[in-house]
Amino acid sequence: MSEDEKGKRFLELIDEQNNIQWSIVSKLTFLVKSQWDSSNIKNELESLIKRHSEITKELNSLDDKSSLL
């Protein structure tokens, strides 16, 4: 992958990760207000956290020693 491709992918991942973080905050807020009584939101939150972790791993893999990122 070229440096330009890495840079583009990096920005895409950062954007997606930011959106996921806002979704996590929103769902946590809802859960707190519902006194943690929503199985659906808990499952959605679990899925968002898993995707956030996957993005973090991919971001870290883009940042190798030969990369400018």
C-alpha atoms as a PDB file:
ATOM      1  CA  MET A   1       0.000   0.000   0.000  1.00  0.00           C
ATOM      2  CA  SER A   2       1.417   3.364  -1.009  1.00  0.00           C
ATOM      3  CA  GLU A   3       1.817   6.251   1.417  1.00  0.00           C
ATOM      4  CA  ASP A   4      -1.075   8.071  -0.274  1.00  0.00           C
ATOM      5  CA  GLU A   5      -3.316   5.027   0.109  1.00  0.00           C
ATOM      6  CA  LYS A   6      -2.259   4.657   3.736  1.00  0.00           C
ATOM      7  CA  GLY A   7      -3.027   8.312   4.378  1.00  0.00           C
ATOM      8  CA  LYS A   8      -6.448   8.050   2.772  1.00  0.00           C
ATOM      9  CA  ARG A   9      -7.270   4.861   4.688  1.00  0.00           C
ATOM     10  CA  PHE A  10      -6.034   6.455   7.918  1.00  0.00           C
ATOM     11  CA  LEU A  11      -8.412   9.397   7.471  1.00  0.00           C
ATOM     12  CA  GLU A  12     -11.330   7.081   6.635  1.00  0.00           C
ATOM     13  CA  LEU A  13     -10.681   5.011   9.753  1.00  0.00           C
ATOM     14  CA  ILE A  14     -10.344   8.074  11.980  1.00  0.00           C
ATOM     15  CA  ASP A  15     -13.665   9.387  10.666  1.00  0.00           C
ATOM     16  CA  GLU A  16     -15.405   6.060  11.240  1.00  0.00           C
ATOM     17  CA  GLN A  17     -13.874   5.730  14.694  1.00  0.00           C
ATOM     18  CA  ASN A  18     -15.067   9.228  15.609  1.00  0.00           C
ATOM     19  CA  ASN A  19     -18.618   8.385  14.513  1.00  0.00           C
ATOM     20  CA  ILE A  20     -18.530   5.170  16.525  1.00  0.00           C
ATOM     21  CA  GLN A  21     -17.309   7.025  19.606  1.00  0.00           C
ATOM     22  CA  TRP A  22     -20.264   9.423  19.368  1.00  0.00           C
ATOM     23  CA  SER A  23     -22.630   6.454  18.976  1.00  0.00           C
ATOM     24  CA  ILE A  24     -21.110   4.804  22.044  1.00  0.00           C
ATOM     25  CA  VAL A  25     -21.606   7.977  24.083  1.00  0.00           C
ATOM     26  CA  SER A  26     -25.196   8.242  22.887  1.00  0.00           C
ATOM     27  CA  LYS A  27     -26.003   4.642  23.753  1.00  0.00           C
ATOM     28  CA  LEU A  28     -24.331   4.896  27.154  1.00  0.00           C
ATOM     29  CA  THR A  29     -26.361   8.019  27.879  1.00  0.00           C
ATOM     30  CA  PHE A  30     -29.542   6.181  26.935  1.00  0.00           C
ATOM     31  CA  LEU A  31     -28.604   3.210  29.121  1.00  0.00           C
ATOM     32  CA  VAL A  32     -27.929   5.407  32.123  1.00  0.00           C
ATOM     33  CA  LYS A  33     -31.272   7.158  31.659  1.00  0.00           C
ATOM     34  CA  SER A  34     -33.039   3.801  31.339  1.00  0.00           C
ATOM     35  CA  GLN A  35     -31.266   2.550  34.465  1.00  0.00           C
ATOM     36  CA  TRP A  36     -29.337   0.014  32.374  1.00  0.00           C
ATOM     37  CA  ASP A  37     -32.549  -1.715  31.334  1.00  0.00           C
ATOM     38  CA  SER A  38     -32.247  -2.231  27.576  1.00  0.00           C
ATOM     39  CA  SER A  39     -30.878  -5.467  26.148  1.00  0.00           C
ATOM     40  CA  ASN A  40     -30.991  -4.136  22.602  1.00  0.00           C
ATOM     41  CA  ILE A  41     -28.889  -1.084  23.433  1.00  0.00           C
ATOM     42  CA  LYS A  42     -26.428  -3.235  25.379  1.00  0.00           C
ATOM     43  CA  ASN A  43     -26.022  -5.486  22.328  1.00  0.00           C
ATOM     44  CA  GLU A  44     -25.578  -2.489  20.022  1.00  0.00           C
ATOM     45  CA  LEU A  45     -23.014  -1.036  22.400  1.00  0.00           C
ATOM     46  CA  GLU A  46     -21.105  -4.317  22.468  1.00  0.00           C
ATOM     47  CA  SER A  47     -21.035  -4.351  18.664  1.00  0.00           C
ATOM     48  CA  LEU A  48     -19.832  -0.731  18.499  1.00  0.00           C
ATOM     49  CA  ILE A  49     -17.042  -1.427  20.964  1.00  0.00           C
ATOM     50  CA  LYS A  50     -15.942  -4.457  18.944  1.00  0.00           C
ATOM     51  CA  ARG A  51     -15.817  -2.382  15.731  1.00  0.00           C
ATOM     52  CA  HIS A  52     -13.932   0.401  17.520  1.00  0.00           C
ATOM     53  CA  SER A  53     -11.311  -2.157  18.593  1.00  0.00           C
ATOM     54  CA  GLU A  54     -11.020  -3.486  15.033  1.00  0.00           C
ATOM     55  CA  ILE A  55     -10.466   0.034  13.701  1.00  0.00           C
ATOM     56  CA  THR A  56      -7.820   0.709  16.354  1.00  0.00           C
ATOM     57  CA  LYS A  57      -5.982  -2.476  15.351  1.00  0.00           C
ATOM     58  CA  GLU A  58      -6.117  -1.505  11.681  1.00  0.00           C
ATOM     59  CA  LEU A  59      -4.885   2.011  12.458  1.00  0.00           C
ATOM     60  CA  ASN A  60      -1.993   0.544  14.419  1.00  0.00           C
ATOM     61  CA  SER A  61      -1.138  -1.788  11.534  1.00  0.00           C
ATOM     62  CA  LEU A  62      -0.925   1.200   9.159  1.00  0.00           C
ATOM     63  CA  ASP A  63       1.630   2.798  11.456  1.00  0.00           C
ATOM     64  CA  ASP A  64       4.652   0.613  10.819  1.00  0.00           C
ATOM     65  CA  LYS A  65       8.268   1.736  10.898  1.00  0.00           C
ATOM     66  CA  SER A  66       8.387   2.499   7.165  1.00  0.00           C
ATOM     67  CA  SER A  67       5.299   4.700   7.251  1.00  0.00           C
ATOM     68  CA  LEU A  68       5.010   8.434   7.804  1.00  0.00           C
ATOM     69  CA  LEU A  69       1.771   7.946   9.775  1.00  0.00           C
END
